[in-house]
Amino acid sequence: MLGQGSEWIPTQTYHDVYGRYRFENAPDFVGGLLRNTELQISVQNVLNTDPPILASSSSVVGGYYATEGDARLRRYSIAFTKRFGL
């Protein structure tokens, strides 16, 4: 048996959301500034779910988190891409 008292880590479910919008044929707005531009927005772990903590005799205060989870909890990402040329 492992230090956490079980051979199994509890099941984990995390919810992520991702969206993308392409301004491929954007109208002439500020000289076509948005033409051929892409906006991506994502949220990882929308419900802010804590990953399981693994108890171990060698762990630091607070224990270790299961590697399948992320101790940072909810995270946001935004990417803005502009293509030039052809």
PDB file of N, CA and C in Angstrom:
ATOM      1  N   MET A   1       0.821  -1.178   0.000  1.00  0.00           N
ATOM      2  CA  MET A   1       0.000   0.000   0.000  1.00  0.00           C
ATOM      3  C   MET A   1       0.873   1.253   0.000  1.00  0.00           C
ATOM      4  N   LEU A   2       0.425   2.284  -0.670  1.00  0.00           N
ATOM      5  CA  LEU A   2       1.183   3.521  -0.765  1.00  0.00           C
ATOM      6  C   LEU A   2       0.946   4.411   0.448  1.00  0.00           C
ATOM      7  N   GLY A   3       1.754   5.475   0.586  1.00  0.00           N
ATOM      8  CA  GLY A   3       1.675   6.382   1.719  1.00  0.00           C
ATOM      9  C   GLY A   3       0.322   7.061   1.907  1.00  0.00           C
ATOM     10  N   GLN A   4      -0.474   7.215   0.827  1.00  0.00           N
ATOM     11  CA  GLN A   4      -1.759   7.877   0.976  1.00  0.00           C
ATOM     12  C   GLN A   4      -2.838   6.930   1.474  1.00  0.00           C
ATOM     13  N   GLY A   5      -2.494   5.668   1.743  1.00  0.00           N
ATOM     14  CA  GLY A   5      -3.458   4.724   2.294  1.00  0.00           C
ATOM     15  C   GLY A   5      -4.234   3.958   1.248  1.00  0.00           C
ATOM     16  N   SER A   6      -3.900   4.105  -0.008  1.00  0.00           N
ATOM     17  CA  SER A   6      -4.626   3.419  -1.065  1.00  0.00           C
ATOM     18  C   SER A   6      -3.723   3.253  -2.280  1.00  0.00           C
ATOM     19  N   GLU A   7      -4.050   2.267  -3.087  1.00  0.00           N
ATOM     20  CA  GLU A   7      -3.316   2.081  -4.340  1.00  0.00           C
ATOM     21  C   GLU A   7      -3.900   2.941  -5.454  1.00  0.00           C
ATOM     22  N   TRP A   8      -5.021   3.576  -5.206  1.00  0.00           N
ATOM     23  CA  TRP A   8      -5.739   4.328  -6.235  1.00  0.00           C
ATOM     24  C   TRP A   8      -5.831   5.811  -5.888  1.00  0.00           C
ATOM     25  N   ILE A   9      -5.769   6.622  -6.898  1.00  0.00           N
ATOM     26  CA  ILE A   9      -6.029   8.061  -6.766  1.00  0.00           C
ATOM     27  C   ILE A   9      -7.493   8.252  -7.134  1.00  0.00           C
ATOM     28  N   PRO A  10      -8.247   9.080  -6.386  1.00  0.00           N
ATOM     29  CA  PRO A  10      -9.661   9.288  -6.704  1.00  0.00           C
ATOM     30  C   PRO A  10      -9.849   9.810  -8.135  1.00  0.00           C
ATOM     31  N   THR A  11     -11.009   9.505  -8.721  1.00  0.00           N
ATOM     32  CA  THR A  11     -11.303   9.995 -10.067  1.00  0.00           C
ATOM     33  C   THR A  11     -11.305  11.515 -10.071  1.00  0.00           C
ATOM     34  N   GLN A  12     -10.963  12.071 -11.227  1.00  0.00           N
ATOM     35  CA  GLN A  12     -10.869  13.517 -11.362  1.00  0.00           C
ATOM     36  C   GLN A  12     -11.574  13.942 -12.639  1.00  0.00           C
ATOM     37  N   THR A  13     -12.325  15.023 -12.562  1.00  0.00           N
ATOM     38  CA  THR A  13     -12.975  15.584 -13.739  1.00  0.00           C
ATOM     39  C   THR A  13     -12.732  17.087 -13.747  1.00  0.00           C
ATOM     40  N   TYR A  14     -12.218  17.584 -14.859  1.00  0.00           N
ATOM     41  CA  TYR A  14     -11.956  19.010 -15.016  1.00  0.00           C
ATOM     42  C   TYR A  14     -12.661  19.486 -16.274  1.00  0.00           C
ATOM     43  N   HIS A  15     -13.186  20.696 -16.253  1.00  0.00           N
ATOM     44  CA  HIS A  15     -13.913  21.247 -17.390  1.00  0.00           C
ATOM     45  C   HIS A  15     -13.137  22.424 -17.971  1.00  0.00           C
ATOM     46  N   ASP A  16     -12.909  22.381 -19.283  1.00  0.00           N
ATOM     47  CA  ASP A  16     -12.203  23.444 -19.994  1.00  0.00           C
ATOM     48  C   ASP A  16     -13.128  24.024 -21.062  1.00  0.00           C
ATOM     49  N   VAL A  17     -12.947  25.307 -21.379  1.00  0.00           N
ATOM     50  CA  VAL A  17     -13.716  25.973 -22.422  1.00  0.00           C
ATOM     51  C   VAL A  17     -12.728  26.674 -23.352  1.00  0.00           C
ATOM     52  N   TYR A  18     -12.980  26.564 -24.653  1.00  0.00           N
ATOM     53  CA  TYR A  18     -12.084  27.157 -25.649  1.00  0.00           C
ATOM     54  C   TYR A  18     -12.928  27.778 -26.744  1.00  0.00           C
ATOM     55  N   GLY A  19     -12.561  28.967 -27.173  1.00  0.00           N
ATOM     56  CA  GLY A  19     -13.253  29.609 -28.275  1.00  0.00           C
ATOM     57  C   GLY A  19     -12.266  30.311 -29.187  1.00  0.00           C
ATOM     58  N   ARG A  20     -12.604  30.362 -30.479  1.00  0.00           N
ATOM     59  CA  ARG A  20     -11.731  31.007 -31.457  1.00  0.00           C
ATOM     60  C   ARG A  20     -12.605  31.741 -32.459  1.00  0.00           C
ATOM     61  N   TYR A  21     -12.178  32.943 -32.822  1.00  0.00           N
ATOM     62  CA  TYR A  21     -12.879  33.704 -33.845  1.00  0.00           C
ATOM     63  C   TYR A  21     -11.857  34.241 -34.835  1.00  0.00           C
ATOM     64  N   ARG A  22     -12.144  34.031 -36.123  1.00  0.00           N
ATOM     65  CA  ARG A  22     -11.252  34.520 -37.185  1.00  0.00           C
ATOM     66  C   ARG A  22     -11.899  35.696 -37.892  1.00  0.00           C
ATOM     67  N   PHE A  23     -11.135  36.764 -38.037  1.00  0.00           N
ATOM     68  CA  PHE A  23     -11.578  37.946 -38.762  1.00  0.00           C
ATOM     69  C   PHE A  23     -11.009  37.878 -40.182  1.00  0.00           C
ATOM     70  N   GLU A  24     -11.242  36.792 -40.898  1.00  0.00           N
ATOM     71  CA  GLU A  24     -10.624  36.568 -42.209  1.00  0.00           C
ATOM     72  C   GLU A  24     -11.003  37.634 -43.224  1.00  0.00           C
ATOM     73  N   ASN A  25     -12.264  37.916 -43.314  1.00  0.00           N
ATOM     74  CA  ASN A  25     -12.716  38.894 -44.302  1.00  0.00           C
ATOM     75  C   ASN A  25     -13.377  40.066 -43.600  1.00  0.00           C
ATOM     76  N   ALA A  26     -12.706  40.592 -42.601  1.00  0.00           N
ATOM     77  CA  ALA A  26     -13.252  41.712 -41.830  1.00  0.00           C
ATOM     78  C   ALA A  26     -13.428  42.923 -42.736  1.00  0.00           C
ATOM     79  N   PRO A  27     -14.489  43.701 -42.511  1.00  0.00           N
ATOM     80  CA  PRO A  27     -14.682  44.910 -43.323  1.00  0.00           C
ATOM     81  C   PRO A  27     -13.573  45.924 -43.028  1.00  0.00           C
ATOM     82  N   ASP A  28     -13.505  46.939 -43.858  1.00  0.00           N
ATOM     83  CA  ASP A  28     -12.475  47.968 -43.677  1.00  0.00           C
ATOM     84  C   ASP A  28     -12.723  48.733 -42.376  1.00  0.00           C
ATOM     85  N   PHE A  29     -12.122  48.263 -41.343  1.00  0.00           N
ATOM     86  CA  PHE A  29     -12.200  48.907 -40.031  1.00  0.00           C
ATOM     87  C   PHE A  29     -10.797  49.364 -39.681  1.00  0.00           C
ATOM     88  N   VAL A  30     -10.613  50.652 -39.581  1.00  0.00           N
ATOM     89  CA  VAL A  30      -9.298  51.248 -39.328  1.00  0.00           C
ATOM     90  C   VAL A  30      -8.295  50.705 -40.348  1.00  0.00           C
ATOM     91  N   GLY A  31      -8.661  50.811 -41.600  1.00  0.00           N
ATOM     92  CA  GLY A  31      -7.746  50.403 -42.670  1.00  0.00           C
ATOM     93  C   GLY A  31      -7.539  48.897 -42.736  1.00  0.00           C
ATOM     94  N   GLY A  32      -8.510  48.113 -42.320  1.00  0.00           N
ATOM     95  CA  GLY A  32      -8.389  46.653 -42.383  1.00  0.00           C
ATOM     96  C   GLY A  32      -7.539  46.066 -41.269  1.00  0.00           C
ATOM     97  N   LEU A  33      -7.456  46.744 -40.158  1.00  0.00           N
ATOM     98  CA  LEU A  33      -6.607  46.317 -39.042  1.00  0.00           C
ATOM     99  C   LEU A  33      -6.921  44.894 -38.567  1.00  0.00           C
ATOM    100  N   LEU A  34      -8.198  44.524 -38.567  1.00  0.00           N
ATOM    101  CA  LEU A  34      -8.574  43.193 -38.068  1.00  0.00           C
ATOM    102  C   LEU A  34      -8.578  42.112 -39.146  1.00  0.00           C
ATOM    103  N   ARG A  35      -8.371  42.494 -40.409  1.00  0.00           N
ATOM    104  CA  ARG A  35      -8.383  41.500 -41.483  1.00  0.00           C
ATOM    105  C   ARG A  35      -7.268  40.477 -41.259  1.00  0.00           C
ATOM    106  N   ASN A  36      -7.558  39.186 -41.470  1.00  0.00           N
ATOM    107  CA  ASN A  36      -6.612  38.072 -41.292  1.00  0.00           C
ATOM    108  C   ASN A  36      -6.070  37.997 -39.848  1.00  0.00           C
ATOM    109  N   THR A  37      -6.961  38.215 -38.908  1.00  0.00           N
ATOM    110  CA  THR A  37      -6.602  38.171 -37.495  1.00  0.00           C
ATOM    111  C   THR A  37      -7.436  37.097 -36.805  1.00  0.00           C
ATOM    112  N   GLU A  38      -6.861  36.495 -35.772  1.00  0.00           N
ATOM    113  CA  GLU A  38      -7.552  35.446 -35.030  1.00  0.00           C
ATOM    114  C   GLU A  38      -7.442  35.727 -33.534  1.00  0.00           C
ATOM    115  N   LEU A  39      -8.547  35.553 -32.825  1.00  0.00           N
ATOM    116  CA  LEU A  39      -8.596  35.734 -31.378  1.00  0.00           C
ATOM    117  C   LEU A  39      -8.964  34.396 -30.739  1.00  0.00           C
ATOM    118  N   GLN A  40      -8.162  33.939 -29.783  1.00  0.00           N
ATOM    119  CA  GLN A  40      -8.424  32.683 -29.068  1.00  0.00           C
ATOM    120  C   GLN A  40      -8.516  32.978 -27.575  1.00  0.00           C
ATOM    121  N   ILE A  41      -9.550  32.437 -26.947  1.00  0.00           N
ATOM    122  CA  ILE A  41      -9.733  32.597 -25.506  1.00  0.00           C
ATOM    123  C   ILE A  41     -10.026  31.219 -24.923  1.00  0.00           C
ATOM    124  N   SER A  42      -9.367  30.887 -23.805  1.00  0.00           N
ATOM    125  CA  SER A  42      -9.636  29.607 -23.164  1.00  0.00           C
ATOM    126  C   SER A  42      -9.608  29.750 -21.649  1.00  0.00           C
ATOM    127  N   VAL A  43     -10.378  28.892 -21.000  1.00  0.00           N
ATOM    128  CA  VAL A  43     -10.397  28.808 -19.544  1.00  0.00           C
ATOM    129  C   VAL A  43     -10.206  27.337 -19.201  1.00  0.00           C
ATOM    130  N   GLN A  44      -9.161  27.036 -18.434  1.00  0.00           N
ATOM    131  CA  GLN A  44      -8.906  25.676 -17.984  1.00  0.00           C
ATOM    132  C   GLN A  44      -9.417  25.550 -16.549  1.00  0.00           C
ATOM    133  N   ASN A  45     -10.032  24.412 -16.254  1.00  0.00           N
ATOM    134  CA  ASN A  45     -10.586  24.113 -14.932  1.00  0.00           C
ATOM    135  C   ASN A  45     -11.616  25.175 -14.541  1.00  0.00           C
ATOM    136  N   VAL A  46     -12.651  25.305 -15.367  1.00  0.00           N
ATOM    137  CA  VAL A  46     -13.692  26.318 -15.207  1.00  0.00           C
ATOM    138  C   VAL A  46     -14.309  26.278 -13.809  1.00  0.00           C
ATOM    139  N   LEU A  47     -14.527  25.098 -13.272  1.00  0.00           N
ATOM    140  CA  LEU A  47     -15.185  24.963 -11.972  1.00  0.00           C
ATOM    141  C   LEU A  47     -14.223  25.080 -10.795  1.00  0.00           C
ATOM    142  N   ASN A  48     -12.940  25.363 -11.071  1.00  0.00           N
ATOM    143  CA  ASN A  48     -11.934  25.571 -10.027  1.00  0.00           C
ATOM    144  C   ASN A  48     -11.796  24.350  -9.105  1.00  0.00           C
ATOM    145  N   THR A  49     -11.757  23.158  -9.686  1.00  0.00           N
ATOM    146  CA  THR A  49     -11.703  21.905  -8.938  1.00  0.00           C
ATOM    147  C   THR A  49     -10.293  21.634  -8.422  1.00  0.00           C
ATOM    148  N   ASP A  50     -10.177  21.347  -7.125  1.00  0.00           N
ATOM    149  CA  ASP A  50      -8.880  21.004  -6.526  1.00  0.00           C
ATOM    150  C   ASP A  50      -8.472  19.595  -6.941  1.00  0.00           C
ATOM    151  N   PRO A  51      -7.213  19.395  -7.312  1.00  0.00           N
ATOM    152  CA  PRO A  51      -6.746  18.030  -7.584  1.00  0.00           C
ATOM    153  C   PRO A  51      -6.549  17.291  -6.260  1.00  0.00           C
ATOM    154  N   PRO A  52      -6.586  15.957  -6.281  1.00  0.00           N
ATOM    155  CA  PRO A  52      -6.359  15.204  -5.051  1.00  0.00           C
ATOM    156  C   PRO A  52      -4.953  15.444  -4.505  1.00  0.00           C
ATOM    157  N   ILE A  53      -4.832  15.429  -3.206  1.00  0.00           N
ATOM    158  CA  ILE A  53      -3.527  15.563  -2.552  1.00  0.00           C
ATOM    159  C   ILE A  53      -3.075  14.169  -2.145  1.00  0.00           C
ATOM    160  N   LEU A  54      -1.828  13.845  -2.462  1.00  0.00           N
ATOM    161  CA  LEU A  54      -1.273  12.541  -2.123  1.00  0.00           C
ATOM    162  C   LEU A  54      -0.477  12.663  -0.840  1.00  0.00           C
ATOM    163  N   ALA A  55      -0.872  11.936   0.171  1.00  0.00           N
ATOM    164  CA  ALA A  55      -0.133  11.947   1.434  1.00  0.00           C
ATOM    165  C   ALA A  55       1.060  11.015   1.299  1.00  0.00           C
ATOM    166  N   SER A  56       2.188  11.471   1.768  1.00  0.00           N
ATOM    167  CA  SER A  56       3.406  10.677   1.689  1.00  0.00           C
ATOM    168  C   SER A  56       4.335  11.098   2.812  1.00  0.00           C
ATOM    169  N   SER A  57       5.097  10.181   3.312  1.00  0.00           N
ATOM    170  CA  SER A  57       6.025  10.511   4.389  1.00  0.00           C
ATOM    171  C   SER A  57       7.123  11.463   3.908  1.00  0.00           C
ATOM    172  N   SER A  58       7.350  11.535   2.606  1.00  0.00           N
ATOM    173  CA  SER A  58       8.394  12.412   2.083  1.00  0.00           C
ATOM    174  C   SER A  58       7.834  13.729   1.548  1.00  0.00           C
ATOM    175  N   SER A  59       6.528  13.930   1.673  1.00  0.00           N
ATOM    176  CA  SER A  59       5.934  15.148   1.108  1.00  0.00           C
ATOM    177  C   SER A  59       6.188  16.348   2.008  1.00  0.00           C
ATOM    178  N   VAL A  60       6.170  17.513   1.386  1.00  0.00           N
ATOM    179  CA  VAL A  60       6.322  18.757   2.132  1.00  0.00           C
ATOM    180  C   VAL A  60       4.999  19.100   2.790  1.00  0.00           C
ATOM    181  N   VAL A  61       4.976  20.131   3.601  1.00  0.00           N
ATOM    182  CA  VAL A  61       3.732  20.534   4.263  1.00  0.00           C
ATOM    183  C   VAL A  61       2.659  20.771   3.209  1.00  0.00           C
ATOM    184  N   GLY A  62       1.498  20.187   3.390  1.00  0.00           N
ATOM    185  CA  GLY A  62       0.419  20.322   2.415  1.00  0.00           C
ATOM    186  C   GLY A  62       0.365  19.167   1.442  1.00  0.00           C
ATOM    187  N   GLY A  63       1.393  18.350   1.377  1.00  0.00           N
ATOM    188  CA  GLY A  63       1.381  17.180   0.511  1.00  0.00           C
ATOM    189  C   GLY A  63       1.671  17.497  -0.939  1.00  0.00           C
ATOM    190  N   TYR A  64       1.674  16.475  -1.751  1.00  0.00           N
ATOM    191  CA  TYR A  64       1.861  16.611  -3.191  1.00  0.00           C
ATOM    192  C   TYR A  64       0.515  16.487  -3.879  1.00  0.00           C
ATOM    193  N   TYR A  65       0.377  17.149  -4.999  1.00  0.00           N
ATOM    194  CA  TYR A  65      -0.834  17.019  -5.793  1.00  0.00           C
ATOM    195  C   TYR A  65      -0.657  15.893  -6.792  1.00  0.00           C
ATOM    196  N   ALA A  66      -1.762  15.233  -7.139  1.00  0.00           N
ATOM    197  CA  ALA A  66      -1.736  14.207  -8.175  1.00  0.00           C
ATOM    198  C   ALA A  66      -1.285  14.860  -9.479  1.00  0.00           C
ATOM    199  N   THR A  67      -0.423  14.193 -10.233  1.00  0.00           N
ATOM    200  CA  THR A  67       0.141  14.787 -11.450  1.00  0.00           C
ATOM    201  C   THR A  67      -0.895  14.984 -12.550  1.00  0.00           C
ATOM    202  N   GLU A  68      -2.018  14.302 -12.478  1.00  0.00           N
ATOM    203  CA  GLU A  68      -3.068  14.470 -13.485  1.00  0.00           C
ATOM    204  C   GLU A  68      -3.810  15.794 -13.305  1.00  0.00           C
ATOM    205  N   GLY A  69      -3.746  16.381 -12.110  1.00  0.00           N
ATOM    206  CA  GLY A  69      -4.405  17.649 -11.835  1.00  0.00           C
ATOM    207  C   GLY A  69      -3.416  18.797 -11.914  1.00  0.00           C
ATOM    208  N   ASP A  70      -3.895  19.996 -11.632  1.00  0.00           N
ATOM    209  CA  ASP A  70      -3.037  21.176 -11.673  1.00  0.00           C
ATOM    210  C   ASP A  70      -3.326  22.030 -10.447  1.00  0.00           C
ATOM    211  N   ALA A  71      -2.326  22.219  -9.611  1.00  0.00           N
ATOM    212  CA  ALA A  71      -2.487  22.962  -8.361  1.00  0.00           C
ATOM    213  C   ALA A  71      -2.780  24.444  -8.591  1.00  0.00           C
ATOM    214  N   ARG A  72      -2.589  24.934  -9.821  1.00  0.00           N
ATOM    215  CA  ARG A  72      -2.872  26.349 -10.105  1.00  0.00           C
ATOM    216  C   ARG A  72      -4.366  26.628 -10.205  1.00  0.00           C
ATOM    217  N   LEU A  73      -5.181  25.578 -10.264  1.00  0.00           N
ATOM    218  CA  LEU A  73      -6.634  25.678 -10.367  1.00  0.00           C
ATOM    219  C   LEU A  73      -7.045  26.389 -11.654  1.00  0.00           C
ATOM    220  N   ARG A  74      -8.050  27.283 -11.607  1.00  0.00           N
ATOM    221  CA  ARG A  74      -8.574  27.909 -12.822  1.00  0.00           C
ATOM    222  C   ARG A  74      -7.517  28.810 -13.456  1.00  0.00           C
ATOM    223  N   ARG A  75      -7.415  28.717 -14.812  1.00  0.00           N
ATOM    224  CA  ARG A  75      -6.446  29.531 -15.548  1.00  0.00           C
ATOM    225  C   ARG A  75      -7.104  30.095 -16.806  1.00  0.00           C
ATOM    226  N   TYR A  76      -6.672  31.276 -17.192  1.00  0.00           N
ATOM    227  CA  TYR A  76      -7.202  31.951 -18.374  1.00  0.00           C
ATOM    228  C   TYR A  76      -6.084  32.158 -19.388  1.00  0.00           C
ATOM    229  N   SER A  77      -6.426  32.028 -20.672  1.00  0.00           N
ATOM    230  CA  SER A  77      -5.450  32.261 -21.733  1.00  0.00           C
ATOM    231  C   SER A  77      -6.105  33.075 -22.847  1.00  0.00           C
ATOM    232  N   ILE A  78      -5.363  34.028 -23.377  1.00  0.00           N
ATOM    233  CA  ILE A  78      -5.820  34.811 -24.521  1.00  0.00           C
ATOM    234  C   ILE A  78      -4.675  34.883 -25.521  1.00  0.00           C
ATOM    235  N   ALA A  79      -5.011  34.650 -26.794  1.00  0.00           N
ATOM    236  CA  ALA A  79      -4.005  34.753 -27.854  1.00  0.00           C
ATOM    237  C   ALA A  79      -4.607  35.568 -28.996  1.00  0.00           C
ATOM    238  N   PHE A  80      -3.815  36.474 -29.528  1.00  0.00           N
ATOM    239  CA  PHE A  80      -4.232  37.335 -30.632  1.00  0.00           C
ATOM    240  C   PHE A  80      -3.192  37.179 -31.727  1.00  0.00           C
ATOM    241  N   THR A  81      -3.601  36.711 -32.899  1.00  0.00           N
ATOM    242  CA  THR A  81      -2.662  36.430 -33.988  1.00  0.00           C
ATOM    243  C   THR A  81      -3.044  37.225 -35.232  1.00  0.00           C
ATOM    244  N   LYS A  82      -2.075  37.898 -35.818  1.00  0.00           N
ATOM    245  CA  LYS A  82      -2.288  38.650 -37.059  1.00  0.00           C
ATOM    246  C   LYS A  82      -1.396  38.063 -38.135  1.00  0.00           C
ATOM    247  N   ARG A  83      -1.988  37.726 -39.305  1.00  0.00           N
ATOM    248  CA  ARG A  83      -1.233  37.171 -40.423  1.00  0.00           C
ATOM    249  C   ARG A  83      -1.023  38.258 -41.478  1.00  0.00           C
ATOM    250  N   PHE A  84       0.201  38.320 -41.972  1.00  0.00           N
ATOM    251  CA  PHE A  84       0.557  39.290 -43.006  1.00  0.00           C
ATOM    252  C   PHE A  84       0.953  38.540 -44.273  1.00  0.00           C
ATOM    253  N   GLY A  85       0.873  39.177 -45.378  1.00  0.00           N
ATOM    254  CA  GLY A  85       1.291  38.567 -46.632  1.00  0.00           C
ATOM    255  C   GLY A  85       0.131  37.938 -47.376  1.00  0.00           C
ATOM    256  N   LEU A  86       0.388  36.798 -48.002  1.00  0.00           N
ATOM    257  CA  LEU A  86      -0.638  36.151 -48.831  1.00  0.00           C
ATOM    258  C   LEU A  86      -1.819  35.826 -48.049  1.00  0.00           C
TER     259      LEU A  86
END
